[in-house]
Structures are given as C-alpha cells and as structure tokens.
Protein backbone atom coordinates (compact mmCIF):
# COMPACT_ATOMS: atom_id res chain seq x y z
CA MET A 1 39.70 -43.87 -3.91
CA PRO A 2 40.75 -42.82 -7.74
CA THR A 3 42.77 -45.94 -7.79
CA LEU A 4 39.62 -47.65 -7.28
CA ASN A 5 37.61 -45.79 -9.38
CA LYS A 6 40.14 -46.54 -12.09
CA ILE A 7 39.61 -50.48 -11.20
CA ARG A 8 35.90 -49.70 -11.55
CA THR A 9 36.06 -48.15 -14.78
CA ALA A 10 38.59 -50.72 -16.16
CA LEU A 11 36.29 -53.67 -15.14
CA ILE A 12 32.98 -52.34 -16.59
CA GLY A 13 34.54 -50.97 -19.51
CA GLY A 14 33.12 -47.58 -18.93
CA ARG A 15 29.50 -48.77 -18.94
CA ARG A 16 26.66 -48.52 -16.72
CA PRO A 17 26.59 -52.20 -14.94
CA ALA A 18 24.02 -54.41 -16.23
CA PRO A 19 20.97 -54.78 -14.04
CA ALA A 20 20.88 -57.59 -11.56
CA ARG A 21 18.89 -60.57 -12.68
CA PRO A 22 16.19 -60.67 -9.91
CA ALA A 23 15.56 -56.95 -11.21
CA LEU A 24 15.15 -58.17 -14.71
CA ARG A 25 13.13 -61.17 -13.53
CA ARG A 26 11.17 -58.17 -11.99
CA LEU A 27 10.89 -56.20 -15.35
CA ARG A 28 9.89 -59.58 -16.88
CA ILE A 29 6.73 -60.42 -14.87
CA ALA A 30 5.73 -56.60 -15.13
CA LEU A 31 5.85 -56.73 -18.56
CA THR A 32 4.09 -60.11 -18.84
CA LEU A 33 1.14 -58.54 -17.08
CA PHE A 34 0.93 -55.55 -19.22
CA PHE A 35 0.89 -57.74 -22.40
CA ALA A 36 -1.77 -60.01 -20.83
CA LEU A 37 -3.78 -56.84 -19.47
CA ASP A 38 -3.70 -55.51 -23.19
CA GLY A 39 -5.41 -58.60 -24.43
CA PHE A 40 -7.62 -58.99 -21.52
CA LEU A 41 -8.92 -55.48 -21.66
CA PHE A 42 -9.41 -55.74 -25.87
CA ALA A 43 -11.40 -59.04 -25.53
CA GLY A 44 -13.43 -57.41 -22.98
CA TRP A 45 -14.41 -54.69 -25.06
CA VAL A 46 -15.17 -56.95 -28.18
CA VAL A 47 -17.61 -59.11 -26.52
CA ARG A 48 -19.54 -56.11 -25.70
CA ILE A 49 -19.83 -54.60 -29.09
CA PRO A 50 -23.67 -56.38 -29.57
CA ALA A 51 -24.95 -54.33 -26.10
CA ILE A 52 -22.93 -51.02 -27.33
CA LYS A 53 -24.82 -51.41 -30.75
CA GLU A 54 -27.88 -51.78 -28.98
CA GLN A 55 -27.59 -48.80 -26.84
CA THR A 56 -26.61 -46.54 -29.46
CA GLY A 57 -29.25 -47.56 -31.81
CA ALA A 58 -26.71 -47.69 -34.49
CA SER A 59 -27.34 -49.73 -37.72
CA ALA A 60 -24.92 -52.19 -38.83
CA GLY A 61 -23.31 -49.93 -41.44
CA ALA A 62 -22.84 -46.93 -39.06
CA LEU A 63 -21.62 -49.27 -36.54
CA GLY A 64 -19.08 -50.57 -38.75
CA LEU A 65 -17.89 -46.98 -39.26
CA ALA A 66 -17.81 -46.25 -35.16
CA LEU A 67 -15.66 -49.60 -35.02
CA LEU A 68 -13.26 -47.85 -37.67
CA GLY A 69 -12.34 -45.46 -34.94
CA VAL A 70 -10.14 -47.86 -33.09
CA SER A 71 -8.43 -48.70 -36.22
CA ALA A 72 -7.85 -45.19 -36.99
CA GLY A 73 -6.63 -44.38 -33.71
CA ALA A 74 -4.34 -46.94 -33.60
CA VAL A 75 -2.57 -46.60 -36.82
CA ALA A 76 -2.32 -42.92 -35.90
CA THR A 77 -0.52 -43.41 -32.77
CA MET A 78 1.89 -46.11 -33.15
CA MET A 79 4.50 -44.09 -35.28
CA VAL A 80 4.39 -41.47 -32.95
CA THR A 81 4.45 -43.88 -29.87
CA GLY A 82 7.62 -44.71 -31.33
CA ARG A 83 8.97 -41.51 -31.16
CA LEU A 84 7.83 -40.89 -27.66
CA CYS A 85 9.45 -44.17 -26.55
CA GLY A 86 12.86 -43.02 -28.04
CA ARG A 87 12.37 -39.64 -26.23
CA LEU A 88 11.08 -40.32 -22.98
CA GLY A 89 11.78 -44.06 -22.77
CA SER A 90 9.37 -47.49 -23.17
CA HIS A 91 8.64 -47.64 -19.64
CA PRO A 92 6.70 -44.51 -18.84
CA VAL A 93 5.00 -44.60 -22.38
CA THR A 94 3.89 -48.31 -21.54
CA VAL A 95 2.23 -47.12 -17.98
CA ALA A 96 0.56 -44.03 -19.46
CA ALA A 97 -0.99 -45.88 -22.26
CA ALA A 98 -2.17 -48.82 -19.92
CA ILE A 99 -3.72 -46.11 -17.82
CA LEU A 100 -5.35 -44.61 -20.77
CA MET A 101 -6.76 -47.82 -22.26
CA SER A 102 -8.19 -48.79 -18.62
CA LEU A 103 -10.11 -45.35 -18.75
CA GLY A 104 -11.03 -45.51 -22.64
CA ILE A 105 -12.90 -48.85 -22.03
CA ALA A 106 -15.45 -47.43 -19.97
CA LEU A 107 -16.41 -44.62 -22.12
CA PRO A 108 -18.46 -46.69 -25.04
CA PRO A 109 -21.46 -47.19 -22.85
CA LEU A 110 -21.78 -43.37 -22.03
CA THR A 111 -22.65 -42.94 -25.94
CA HIS A 112 -25.64 -42.83 -27.40
CA SER A 113 -24.95 -42.42 -31.14
CA ALA A 114 -22.90 -44.01 -33.74
CA LEU A 115 -20.97 -40.81 -34.17
CA ALA A 116 -20.17 -40.27 -30.25
CA LEU A 117 -19.36 -43.93 -30.21
CA GLY A 118 -16.78 -43.50 -32.94
CA LEU A 119 -15.28 -40.44 -31.42
CA VAL A 120 -14.40 -41.99 -28.13
CA LEU A 121 -13.17 -45.24 -29.69
CA LEU A 122 -10.77 -43.35 -31.13
CA VAL A 123 -9.08 -42.43 -27.78
CA PHE A 124 -9.82 -46.55 -26.94
CA GLY A 125 -7.54 -47.12 -30.27
CA ALA A 126 -4.88 -44.56 -29.63
CA ALA A 127 -4.12 -46.33 -26.30
CA TYR A 128 -4.52 -49.76 -28.09
CA GLY A 129 -1.96 -48.65 -30.59
CA GLY A 130 0.59 -46.72 -28.01
CA ILE A 131 0.53 -49.73 -25.77
CA ASN A 132 1.64 -52.45 -28.44
CA VAL A 133 4.33 -50.15 -29.52
CA ALA A 134 5.95 -49.17 -26.27
CA MET A 135 5.60 -52.73 -24.30
CA ASN A 136 6.98 -54.41 -27.25
CA SER A 137 9.71 -51.66 -27.47
CA ALA A 138 10.52 -52.62 -23.86
CA ALA A 139 10.30 -56.21 -24.50
CA VAL A 140 13.12 -56.11 -26.97
CA ASP A 141 15.54 -53.97 -24.66
CA LEU A 142 14.68 -56.77 -22.33
CA VAL A 143 15.27 -59.62 -24.83
CA ALA A 144 18.47 -58.38 -25.53
CA ALA A 145 19.75 -58.05 -21.80
CA LEU A 146 17.91 -61.59 -21.09
CA ARG A 147 19.93 -62.65 -23.96
CA ARG A 148 17.27 -65.34 -24.21
CA PRO A 149 14.59 -65.20 -26.97
CA VAL A 150 11.65 -64.83 -25.04
CA MET A 151 9.51 -62.63 -27.03
CA PRO A 152 7.21 -64.96 -27.76
CA SER A 153 6.31 -65.64 -24.23
CA PHE A 154 5.04 -61.98 -24.14
CA HIS A 155 2.70 -62.51 -26.96
CA ALA A 156 1.53 -65.64 -25.35
CA ALA A 157 0.29 -63.95 -22.31
CA PHE A 158 -1.28 -61.21 -24.64
CA SER A 159 -3.27 -64.50 -26.32
CA VAL A 160 -4.11 -65.99 -22.76
CA GLY A 161 -5.09 -62.55 -21.45
CA GLY A 162 -7.59 -62.20 -24.54
CA MET A 163 -9.19 -65.61 -24.11
CA LEU A 164 -9.60 -65.01 -20.47
CA GLY A 165 -10.99 -61.49 -21.50
CA ALA A 166 -13.66 -63.21 -23.86
CA GLY A 167 -14.28 -66.04 -21.11
CA LEU A 168 -15.32 -63.34 -18.17
CA GLY A 169 -16.95 -61.53 -20.86
CA ALA A 170 -19.13 -64.49 -22.01
CA LEU A 171 -19.82 -65.45 -18.13
CA LEU A 172 -20.90 -61.72 -17.02
CA ALA A 173 -23.08 -60.83 -20.09
CA GLY A 174 -26.01 -62.33 -18.70
CA HIS A 175 -25.21 -60.59 -15.03
CA LEU A 176 -23.98 -57.24 -15.62
CA SER A 177 -25.13 -54.44 -18.17
CA ALA A 178 -22.35 -53.35 -20.38
CA THR A 179 -21.60 -50.39 -18.19
CA ALA A 180 -20.75 -52.43 -15.04
CA HIS A 181 -18.79 -55.23 -16.71
CA LEU A 182 -16.32 -52.28 -18.83
CA LEU A 183 -16.17 -50.44 -15.39
CA LEU A 184 -15.10 -53.21 -13.78
CA LEU A 185 -12.43 -53.73 -16.33
CA THR A 186 -11.50 -50.50 -15.88
CA ALA A 187 -10.86 -50.85 -12.41
CA VAL A 188 -8.88 -53.97 -13.02
CA GLY A 189 -6.92 -52.13 -15.70
CA LEU A 190 -5.88 -49.49 -13.06
CA VAL A 191 -5.02 -52.02 -10.51
CA VAL A 192 -2.66 -53.94 -12.90
CA SER A 193 -1.20 -50.84 -14.35
CA THR A 194 -0.33 -49.49 -10.94
CA ALA A 195 1.24 -52.14 -9.51
CA ALA A 196 3.23 -53.30 -12.58
CA GLY A 197 3.62 -50.06 -13.56
CA ARG A 198 5.85 -49.42 -9.92
CA VAL A 199 8.16 -52.02 -11.51
CA LEU A 200 8.68 -50.43 -14.68
CA LEU A 201 8.87 -46.94 -13.57
CA SER A 202 11.54 -47.82 -10.58
CA HIS A 203 13.82 -49.69 -13.93
CA PRO A 204 15.36 -48.10 -16.49
CA ALA A 205 14.85 -49.82 -19.63
CA PRO A 206 17.99 -52.38 -19.65
CA ARG A 207 20.91 -52.19 -21.95
CA PRO A 208 22.19 -55.39 -23.29
CA THR A 209 25.14 -56.96 -22.01
CA PRO A 210 28.02 -57.63 -24.65
CA SER A 211 29.56 -61.08 -24.78
CA ALA A 212 33.33 -61.57 -23.62
CA ASP A 213 34.28 -62.49 -27.25
CA SER A 214 32.29 -60.24 -29.11
CA THR A 215 31.27 -56.71 -29.45
CA GLU A 216 28.07 -55.14 -28.45
CA PRO A 217 25.61 -55.46 -31.59
CA ALA A 218 25.52 -52.14 -33.06
CA ARG A 219 21.95 -50.94 -34.06
CA LYS A 220 23.02 -48.18 -36.29
CA VAL A 221 23.14 -49.14 -40.04
CA SER A 222 22.75 -46.68 -43.28
CA GLY A 223 19.50 -44.84 -43.26
CA GLY A 224 18.09 -46.10 -46.52
CA ARG A 225 19.47 -49.98 -45.55
CA GLU A 226 17.34 -49.88 -42.24
CA ARG A 227 14.20 -48.47 -43.34
CA GLY A 228 14.08 -51.47 -46.11
CA LEU A 229 14.84 -54.27 -43.44
CA VAL A 230 12.21 -52.98 -41.10
CA ALA A 231 9.82 -52.62 -44.04
CA VAL A 232 11.26 -56.69 -44.72
CA PHE A 233 10.13 -57.19 -41.48
CA GLY A 234 7.03 -55.13 -41.68
CA LEU A 235 6.22 -57.21 -44.44
CA VAL A 236 6.40 -60.42 -42.75
CA ALA A 237 4.16 -59.01 -39.44
CA LEU A 238 1.33 -58.11 -42.54
CA CYS A 239 1.59 -61.39 -43.68
CA THR A 240 0.85 -63.00 -40.27
CA ALA A 241 -1.44 -60.33 -39.08
CA TYR A 242 -3.64 -60.94 -42.45
CA GLY A 243 -4.44 -64.24 -41.37
CA GLU A 244 -5.48 -63.46 -37.72
CA GLY A 245 -7.86 -60.72 -39.08
CA ALA A 246 -9.21 -63.19 -42.09
CA LEU A 247 -9.87 -65.72 -39.79
CA ALA A 248 -11.38 -63.99 -37.22
CA ASP A 249 -13.77 -62.71 -39.08
CA TRP A 250 -14.66 -65.27 -41.78
CA GLY A 251 -13.44 -68.62 -40.07
CA ALA A 252 -16.78 -69.20 -38.84
CA LEU A 253 -18.98 -68.21 -41.49
CA HIS A 254 -16.74 -70.63 -44.03
CA LEU A 255 -17.37 -73.78 -41.52
CA GLU A 256 -21.43 -73.15 -41.50
CA GLN A 257 -21.55 -71.93 -45.17
CA ASP A 258 -19.03 -73.98 -47.08
CA LEU A 259 -19.39 -76.97 -44.79
CA ALA A 260 -22.78 -77.16 -43.31
CA ALA A 261 -21.53 -76.96 -39.59
CA ARG A 262 -23.90 -76.17 -37.05
CA PRO A 263 -23.38 -72.52 -35.53
CA GLY A 264 -22.11 -74.04 -32.45
CA VAL A 265 -19.41 -76.19 -34.12
CA ALA A 266 -18.87 -73.12 -36.64
CA ALA A 267 -18.05 -70.91 -33.64
CA VAL A 268 -15.33 -73.22 -32.40
CA GLY A 269 -13.49 -72.48 -35.40
CA TYR A 270 -11.55 -69.45 -34.41
CA SER A 271 -11.30 -70.46 -31.41
CA VAL A 272 -9.32 -73.31 -32.16
CA PHE A 273 -7.07 -71.48 -34.20
CA ALA A 274 -6.50 -68.85 -31.00
CA LEU A 275 -5.77 -72.05 -28.68
CA ALA A 276 -3.11 -73.41 -30.96
CA MET A 277 -1.71 -69.87 -31.76
CA THR A 278 -1.41 -69.31 -27.75
CA LEU A 279 0.22 -72.79 -27.51
CA GLY A 280 2.43 -72.18 -30.25
CA ARG A 281 3.64 -69.12 -28.63
CA LEU A 282 4.25 -70.75 -24.97
CA SER A 283 6.77 -72.86 -26.74
CA GLY A 284 8.01 -70.09 -29.21
CA THR A 285 11.15 -69.50 -26.64
CA ALA A 286 12.37 -73.30 -26.69
CA LEU A 287 11.68 -73.53 -30.45
CA LEU A 288 13.84 -70.24 -31.19
CA GLU A 289 16.69 -71.49 -28.92
CA ARG A 290 16.40 -74.59 -31.17
CA LEU A 291 15.95 -73.29 -34.48
CA GLY A 292 17.07 -69.87 -34.76
CA GLN A 293 14.81 -66.98 -35.95
CA THR A 294 15.38 -67.45 -39.53
CA ARG A 295 14.42 -71.34 -39.47
CA LEU A 296 11.67 -70.74 -37.32
CA LEU A 297 9.88 -68.13 -39.44
CA VAL A 298 10.44 -70.32 -42.53
CA ALA A 299 9.06 -73.40 -40.72
CA GLY A 300 6.20 -71.29 -39.06
CA GLY A 301 5.14 -69.67 -42.53
CA ALA A 302 5.51 -73.08 -44.39
CA THR A 303 3.41 -74.81 -41.89
CA ALA A 304 0.92 -71.70 -41.89
CA ALA A 305 0.36 -72.10 -45.31
CA VAL A 306 -0.05 -76.12 -45.59
CA GLY A 307 -2.57 -75.52 -42.41
CA MET A 308 -4.34 -72.91 -44.37
CA LEU A 309 -4.95 -74.77 -47.71
CA VAL A 310 -6.56 -77.46 -45.43
CA GLY A 311 -8.46 -75.31 -43.87
CA SER A 312 -10.11 -73.49 -46.46
CA LEU A 313 -10.41 -76.58 -49.06
CA ALA A 314 -11.15 -79.36 -47.00
CA PRO A 315 -14.27 -81.15 -47.43
CA THR A 316 -15.33 -81.73 -43.98
CA VAL A 317 -15.68 -79.89 -40.83
CA TRP A 318 -12.98 -81.98 -38.72
CA ALA A 319 -10.28 -81.76 -41.46
CA ALA A 320 -10.61 -77.89 -41.76
CA LEU A 321 -10.53 -77.07 -37.82
CA ALA A 322 -7.71 -79.31 -37.70
CA GLY A 323 -6.21 -77.12 -40.80
CA PHE A 324 -7.00 -74.10 -38.60
CA ALA A 325 -5.19 -75.64 -35.37
CA VAL A 326 -2.17 -76.07 -37.68
CA THR A 327 -2.16 -72.60 -38.94
CA GLY A 328 -2.33 -71.22 -35.75
CA LEU A 329 0.41 -73.13 -34.73
CA GLY A 330 2.29 -71.67 -37.82
CA LEU A 331 1.49 -68.49 -37.60
CA ALA A 332 2.14 -68.30 -33.49
CA ASN A 333 5.23 -66.84 -33.44
CA ILE A 334 6.25 -64.57 -36.85
CA PHE A 335 4.64 -61.52 -35.76
CA PRO A 336 6.86 -61.65 -32.18
CA VAL A 337 9.78 -62.47 -33.93
CA ALA A 338 9.51 -59.73 -37.01
CA VAL A 339 8.49 -56.97 -34.78
CA GLY A 340 11.65 -58.19 -32.24
CA ARG A 341 13.93 -58.22 -35.24
CA ALA A 342 12.77 -54.84 -36.35
CA GLY A 343 13.06 -53.50 -32.69
CA ALA A 344 16.59 -54.66 -32.48
CA LEU A 345 17.66 -52.89 -35.48
CA ALA A 346 16.06 -49.67 -35.40
CA GLY A 347 14.62 -49.36 -31.84
CA PRO A 348 11.21 -48.06 -30.77
CA ALA A 349 10.97 -46.68 -34.51
CA GLY A 350 11.47 -50.11 -35.89
CA VAL A 351 8.88 -51.65 -33.76
CA ALA A 352 6.33 -48.88 -34.50
CA ALA A 353 6.73 -49.52 -38.41
CA ALA A 354 6.60 -53.31 -38.15
CA SER A 355 3.46 -53.19 -35.95
CA THR A 356 2.01 -50.39 -38.28
CA PHE A 357 2.66 -52.69 -41.07
CA GLY A 358 1.06 -55.72 -38.82
CA TYR A 359 -1.98 -54.06 -37.59
CA GLY A 360 -2.49 -53.03 -41.33
CA GLY A 361 -2.38 -56.42 -42.35
CA MET A 362 -5.08 -57.18 -39.67
CA LEU A 363 -7.43 -54.48 -41.22
CA LEU A 364 -6.61 -55.28 -44.86
CA GLY A 365 -7.17 -59.14 -44.36
CA PRO A 366 -11.22 -59.16 -43.87
CA PRO A 367 -12.29 -56.72 -46.73
CA ALA A 368 -10.23 -58.41 -48.94
CA ILE A 369 -11.38 -61.77 -47.88
CA GLY A 370 -15.01 -60.25 -48.83
CA LEU A 371 -14.19 -58.70 -51.96
CA LEU A 372 -12.31 -62.00 -53.32
CA ALA A 373 -15.48 -63.98 -52.05
CA GLU A 374 -17.70 -61.98 -54.02
CA ARG A 375 -15.65 -62.62 -56.94
CA PHE A 376 -14.87 -66.18 -56.74
CA SER A 377 -15.72 -68.27 -53.46
CA LEU A 378 -15.22 -67.90 -49.61
CA SER A 379 -13.02 -70.86 -49.86
CA SER A 380 -10.84 -69.82 -52.64
CA ALA A 381 -10.49 -66.15 -50.91
CA LEU A 382 -9.19 -68.14 -47.55
CA THR A 383 -6.34 -69.51 -49.95
CA THR A 384 -4.85 -66.03 -49.65
CA VAL A 385 -4.30 -66.52 -46.05
CA ALA A 386 -1.63 -69.44 -47.19
CA ALA A 387 -0.30 -67.45 -49.99
CA LEU A 388 0.66 -64.78 -47.69
CA ALA A 389 2.27 -67.22 -44.82
CA ALA A 390 4.30 -68.67 -47.86
CA VAL A 391 5.29 -65.26 -48.80
CA ALA A 392 6.26 -64.75 -44.93
CA ALA A 393 8.60 -67.78 -45.50
CA VAL A 394 10.24 -66.94 -48.60
CA VAL A 395 10.83 -63.19 -47.31
CA ALA A 396 12.82 -64.33 -44.35
CA TYR A 397 14.70 -67.08 -46.16
CA ALA A 398 15.67 -64.52 -48.92
CA THR A 399 17.00 -61.91 -46.66
CA ARG A 400 18.70 -64.26 -44.21
CA ARG A 401 21.68 -62.96 -44.71
CA ALA A 402 21.19 -59.39 -44.61
CA THR A 403 18.95 -59.51 -41.66
CA ALA A 404 21.76 -61.35 -39.93
CA VAL A 405 24.66 -58.72 -40.66
CA ASP A 406 22.78 -55.80 -40.10
CA THR A 407 21.17 -56.81 -36.84
CA GLY A 408 25.00 -57.13 -35.52
CA GLY A 409 24.92 -60.95 -36.13
CA GLY A 410 21.97 -61.77 -33.77
CA ALA A 411 19.65 -62.55 -36.10
CA ASP A 412 19.83 -66.07 -35.82
CA VAL A 413 21.32 -66.19 -32.70
CA SER A 414 19.41 -68.83 -30.82
CA GLY A 415 20.30 -67.47 -27.08
CA GLY A 416 20.89 -69.31 -23.85
C-alpha cells in the first residue's frame, strides 16, 4: 500500500486530481443558469418600475433617488463579496447571493413611499452586486480548468436571460399586478437557485491543471504591479459599461429627438444594440480561440468606436440603428475578457475590483451624457462612447506585454 501511495503521488505531483469532464460540464451548466437568472430577474424588475412608481406615488426626482439604492447596494457589496469568495469560496457565495436576489425582488411591491423603496432596493442591489462578483469568480476558475476561453458564453447567458425577463414582463404587464409578477419571479429564482445551487455546493471550485510542458500559471505578482494591472482591466471594463449605460438611457431619445424617428422605431434602438451584443457574446469563445484575448479587445474596441461614430452622427435612422448594432458587436466581449483577466491575475479580489470599475462606468455614462448634451448636443455627447471604446482598444494594446507576463503567459493563449 505505501508503494501504491508513492506511485499515486508521483503521477499527480502531490496535487488534487482535476475534476472529471462530466463534473466540469455540470458546473458549466449550473453557472450558465446563474448568469441567465441574474439577467432574467434584473430585467423583470426594470420593466415593473413604472408600476412601482405609481404604487408609491413617488415623483420623478424621488424615484430617481430611490433607484440609486440598487447602485449603492451593488457598489458597496462588490469588494466585500470578493473577500468573502476568497474566504468561503465562490460557489456558496453565488448560491447565497442568488437566493437573496430572488427574495429581494419581491420587496418593492410591499413599499408605499420612495424612502421605503430606496431601502429595500439597497437589499436588492447588494444581492445583485454580490452575485455578479461571485459567479464571475466561479467562472474564472472554471475557464482555467476547462482550458478554453468560454467566459463570453456566460455573459451571453446573462444577455439572453435579460431579454427573456424583459419579454415576459411585457407580456405579463397587462395581466398580472406588479406584486404577483415579482412574486412569480421570486419563485422562479428560488427554484433555479436550488437546482443549480446543488451542483455548485457539491463541487468545489476546480483548480486549473497545468499542461505537461509548462508550469502552472502563477497568480501572485508584486502587490503594486498586481493592483496596477487589475486597475487597467477595470478601466477597460469601465469603458465598455459606460457605453451600455449611455445607450440604454439615451439611445432611443437620440433617435427620436435628433433623427425624428417615430416612438415605436426609437424604442427599437436599444433592442438592436442588446441583440447584437448577445450574438457577439455567443460567438465570443470562437473569436477568442481564433484571435486571442488582446487582439479581440483591440478589435472589439475599434469596432465599437466606428459603430458609435456612425450611430451618433449618421443623418438617418436606419444608419444610426446599423451603428448601434455594430457598437453592440464590438463591445460584446470586452467586459467578460477584462473581468476574466483580472480574475486570472488576482482571483476574486481582481474580479471584484474590475466589476466595481465596470459598474461605476455604467452609472457614470447616463449622467455624463446628459451634462454634455446640455452643453453641446446629444449626438455630440454620444460620441464619448466611441472615444472610450477607442481608449479601451489603446489600453489593451499598450499593456499587452505586461499582462501576458503577469498572468502567467495566459493573456493571449487562445485555448483549445
């Protein structure tokens, strides 16, 4: 028996054996469900905001302040979640945050004032921020174990879940009250969290298996350099999320106000952008395997910059819609790749930092566009989306060598 133990130790090098492929497949399916659930629940809440406004009797200004509860809760929780993932593991934190988000979405219909709404949205926002950091941290570990760049597929699931949540909300708006609809979403969330959560809780986060001709990539670099590189990835994520937030809030108004589009056509603007982003993420793994991460970041940023210049400055509605679609394709994979690279470098803390930067960009975009539109014009203000997309491309290209070295040579490995 001692001889057998020595042989086993020699064969695996003293490491825990890598999880079997079926276990990795189950983990991938479970994580995909959590990403889809996140988008589904958030979109379901968003489409019910008008009904909640009417129920609480809040003015537009008071509602705006209450809605900041989601943002405040998310930003306050993200860095804490990174530390929790490092201590408890990303899998149990993902499950706990999904359950809290599922329960939290049922709270807004119970409020009858803007103040109460803002307080319960702090809870919902905290869960939203927590699950985004935890499930991205879990995805980073799984991507490393699979040795394939599948991170975009998880974010595609988020986008698909968001579209399903918004579509279902639109269908149910005329048949169910906000209370009944959001309680239904709670039930769906708890069922999915229980089913997918059993898989996550029964499997620890996988460790990447080193290839036969290389040593395992090291995550540890000097503290100052690590923080600097994580900040670089965070800046790239911010540039992407800025565009998402800006187009969500101002895209339709640009089409209607600047290009005289009918309200129905203007409303299609963000849908075109979101659909293109979803399609881009669905093809993200294939693009990563073909191009590598740095080239995909550069190409995506350049594509988004060109697309948004067309979208903001085009003289016709249809040209602007085409620009929105190109922008969505360009931005689609920048955020997932940036978060994945931050996680590969610094683990859950890196994911948390990059996600916080990105979420901050989504918050910064709409008010920045509004201020610039007052001073110049809305079409001119929207060109800042193109400018920041170009910045993301330049930053990715300028730091390509440093990031390749400090992520263990894996920054541009296409996988296979």
